[in-house]
Amino acid sequence: MGEIAEDIVDGTCCTYCGMYFQDPEDPEKVYTHGFPVACKSCFRAPMRKLGVQKATAKLI
């Protein structure tokens, strides 16, 4: 699997737009949720029905 695909699977970037998340403790690092997530701008009500989690970290 490619690097971006692995980042999507582990929640380092948004499943839909591919933007990376910023670590709240260290803005210079990326944040990993540990599972696939959608960023706040991509997350919509139909995604909730599919079981997609909403990200807790800000985008970089």
N, C-alpha and C. Protein backbone atom coordinates (compact mmCIF):
# COMPACT_ATOMS: atom_id res chain seq x y z
N MET A 1 0.85 -1.17 0.00
CA MET A 1 0.00 0.00 0.00
C MET A 1 0.90 1.24 0.00
N GLY A 2 0.41 2.32 -0.59
CA GLY A 2 1.18 3.56 -0.64
C GLY A 2 1.16 4.30 0.68
N GLU A 3 2.05 5.27 0.80
CA GLU A 3 2.18 6.02 2.06
C GLU A 3 0.90 6.81 2.39
N ILE A 4 0.31 7.46 1.39
CA ILE A 4 -0.92 8.22 1.65
C ILE A 4 -2.06 7.29 2.03
N ALA A 5 -2.16 6.15 1.37
CA ALA A 5 -3.20 5.17 1.72
C ALA A 5 -3.05 4.71 3.16
N GLU A 6 -1.83 4.47 3.60
CA GLU A 6 -1.59 4.07 4.99
C GLU A 6 -1.97 5.20 5.95
N ASP A 7 -1.68 6.45 5.56
CA ASP A 7 -2.05 7.60 6.40
C ASP A 7 -3.56 7.74 6.52
N ILE A 8 -4.29 7.41 5.46
CA ILE A 8 -5.76 7.46 5.51
C ILE A 8 -6.28 6.37 6.44
N VAL A 9 -5.73 5.17 6.34
CA VAL A 9 -6.19 4.05 7.17
C VAL A 9 -5.93 4.31 8.65
N ASP A 10 -4.80 4.92 9.00
CA ASP A 10 -4.52 5.15 10.43
C ASP A 10 -5.00 6.51 10.93
N GLY A 11 -5.69 7.29 10.08
CA GLY A 11 -6.29 8.55 10.52
C GLY A 11 -5.32 9.71 10.63
N THR A 12 -4.21 9.65 9.93
CA THR A 12 -3.27 10.77 9.91
C THR A 12 -3.77 11.87 8.97
N CYS A 13 -4.56 11.47 7.96
CA CYS A 13 -5.16 12.46 7.07
C CYS A 13 -6.62 12.09 6.81
N CYS A 14 -7.38 13.05 6.31
CA CYS A 14 -8.81 12.87 6.05
C CYS A 14 -9.02 11.80 4.98
N THR A 15 -9.99 10.94 5.21
CA THR A 15 -10.32 9.87 4.27
C THR A 15 -10.78 10.42 2.93
N TYR A 16 -11.38 11.59 2.91
CA TYR A 16 -12.00 12.12 1.70
C TYR A 16 -11.17 13.16 0.96
N CYS A 17 -10.60 14.14 1.66
CA CYS A 17 -9.84 15.19 0.97
C CYS A 17 -8.33 14.98 1.06
N GLY A 18 -7.86 14.14 1.99
CA GLY A 18 -6.44 13.85 2.09
C GLY A 18 -5.62 14.87 2.87
N MET A 19 -6.26 15.85 3.48
CA MET A 19 -5.53 16.85 4.28
C MET A 19 -5.03 16.20 5.57
N TYR A 20 -3.82 16.57 5.99
CA TYR A 20 -3.23 16.01 7.20
C TYR A 20 -3.68 16.79 8.43
N PHE A 21 -3.70 16.12 9.59
CA PHE A 21 -4.13 16.72 10.84
C PHE A 21 -2.93 17.20 11.65
N GLN A 22 -3.11 18.31 12.35
CA GLN A 22 -2.07 18.93 13.16
C GLN A 22 -2.15 18.41 14.59
N ASP A 23 -1.00 18.05 15.15
CA ASP A 23 -0.94 17.59 16.54
C ASP A 23 -1.22 18.78 17.45
N PRO A 24 -2.23 18.68 18.35
CA PRO A 24 -2.56 19.81 19.21
C PRO A 24 -1.45 20.18 20.20
N GLU A 25 -0.60 19.23 20.55
CA GLU A 25 0.48 19.50 21.51
C GLU A 25 1.73 20.05 20.83
N ASP A 26 1.97 19.66 19.58
CA ASP A 26 3.14 20.12 18.84
C ASP A 26 2.73 20.45 17.41
N PRO A 27 2.46 21.72 17.10
CA PRO A 27 1.98 22.11 15.77
C PRO A 27 2.90 21.74 14.61
N GLU A 28 4.14 21.42 14.90
CA GLU A 28 5.08 21.04 13.85
C GLU A 28 4.91 19.58 13.42
N LYS A 29 4.14 18.80 14.15
CA LYS A 29 3.95 17.38 13.86
C LYS A 29 2.53 17.10 13.39
N VAL A 30 2.36 15.97 12.72
CA VAL A 30 1.02 15.54 12.32
C VAL A 30 0.42 14.68 13.43
N TYR A 31 -0.91 14.62 13.46
CA TYR A 31 -1.63 13.88 14.49
C TYR A 31 -2.27 12.65 13.87
N THR A 32 -2.19 11.52 14.55
CA THR A 32 -2.80 10.28 14.09
C THR A 32 -3.92 9.89 15.04
N HIS A 33 -5.12 9.67 14.47
CA HIS A 33 -6.28 9.28 15.28
C HIS A 33 -6.26 7.79 15.62
N GLY A 34 -5.64 6.97 14.76
CA GLY A 34 -5.60 5.53 15.00
C GLY A 34 -6.66 4.76 14.22
N PHE A 35 -7.50 5.46 13.50
CA PHE A 35 -8.56 4.85 12.69
C PHE A 35 -8.97 5.88 11.63
N PRO A 36 -9.59 5.44 10.52
CA PRO A 36 -9.98 6.38 9.46
C PRO A 36 -10.99 7.42 9.97
N VAL A 37 -10.77 8.69 9.60
CA VAL A 37 -11.66 9.78 10.01
C VAL A 37 -11.88 10.75 8.85
N ALA A 38 -12.92 11.57 8.98
CA ALA A 38 -13.18 12.66 8.04
C ALA A 38 -12.96 13.97 8.78
N CYS A 39 -12.38 14.95 8.08
CA CYS A 39 -12.19 16.27 8.70
C CYS A 39 -13.54 16.96 8.85
N LYS A 40 -13.56 18.06 9.58
CA LYS A 40 -14.82 18.77 9.85
C LYS A 40 -15.49 19.26 8.57
N SER A 41 -14.72 19.69 7.57
CA SER A 41 -15.36 20.18 6.35
C SER A 41 -15.88 19.06 5.46
N CYS A 42 -15.34 17.86 5.56
CA CYS A 42 -15.83 16.73 4.75
C CYS A 42 -16.93 15.95 5.46
N PHE A 43 -16.98 16.02 6.78
CA PHE A 43 -17.93 15.22 7.56
C PHE A 43 -19.35 15.74 7.37
N ARG A 44 -20.23 14.87 6.97
CA ARG A 44 -21.64 15.21 6.76
C ARG A 44 -22.51 14.15 7.44
N ALA A 45 -23.78 14.45 7.65
CA ALA A 45 -24.71 13.53 8.32
C ALA A 45 -24.76 12.14 7.67
N PRO A 46 -24.78 12.02 6.32
CA PRO A 46 -24.81 10.67 5.74
C PRO A 46 -23.59 9.83 6.10
N MET A 47 -22.44 10.48 6.33
CA MET A 47 -21.24 9.74 6.72
C MET A 47 -21.40 9.12 8.10
N ARG A 48 -22.13 9.79 8.96
CA ARG A 48 -22.38 9.27 10.30
C ARG A 48 -23.10 7.92 10.21
N LYS A 49 -24.05 7.81 9.26
CA LYS A 49 -24.79 6.57 9.06
C LYS A 49 -23.87 5.45 8.58
N LEU A 50 -22.83 5.81 7.85
CA LEU A 50 -21.87 4.81 7.35
C LEU A 50 -20.84 4.42 8.40
N GLY A 51 -20.85 5.10 9.54
CA GLY A 51 -19.91 4.78 10.61
C GLY A 51 -18.60 5.53 10.54
N VAL A 52 -18.52 6.56 9.70
CA VAL A 52 -17.30 7.35 9.60
C VAL A 52 -17.18 8.24 10.84
N GLN A 53 -16.01 8.25 11.44
CA GLN A 53 -15.76 9.05 12.64
C GLN A 53 -15.37 10.48 12.25
N LYS A 54 -15.75 11.44 13.08
CA LYS A 54 -15.36 12.84 12.87
C LYS A 54 -14.01 13.08 13.54
N ALA A 55 -13.12 13.75 12.85
CA ALA A 55 -11.78 14.03 13.38
C ALA A 55 -11.85 14.99 14.57
N THR A 56 -10.91 14.84 15.48
CA THR A 56 -10.83 15.72 16.63
C THR A 56 -9.71 16.74 16.50
N ALA A 57 -8.79 16.54 15.58
CA ALA A 57 -7.64 17.43 15.40
C ALA A 57 -7.89 18.42 14.27
N LYS A 58 -7.18 19.56 14.29
CA LYS A 58 -7.27 20.56 13.23
C LYS A 58 -6.46 20.11 12.03
N LEU A 59 -6.82 20.63 10.86
CA LEU A 59 -6.05 20.38 9.65
C LEU A 59 -4.80 21.23 9.64
N ILE A 60 -3.77 20.76 8.98
CA ILE A 60 -2.53 21.52 8.85
C ILE A 60 -2.71 22.55 7.76
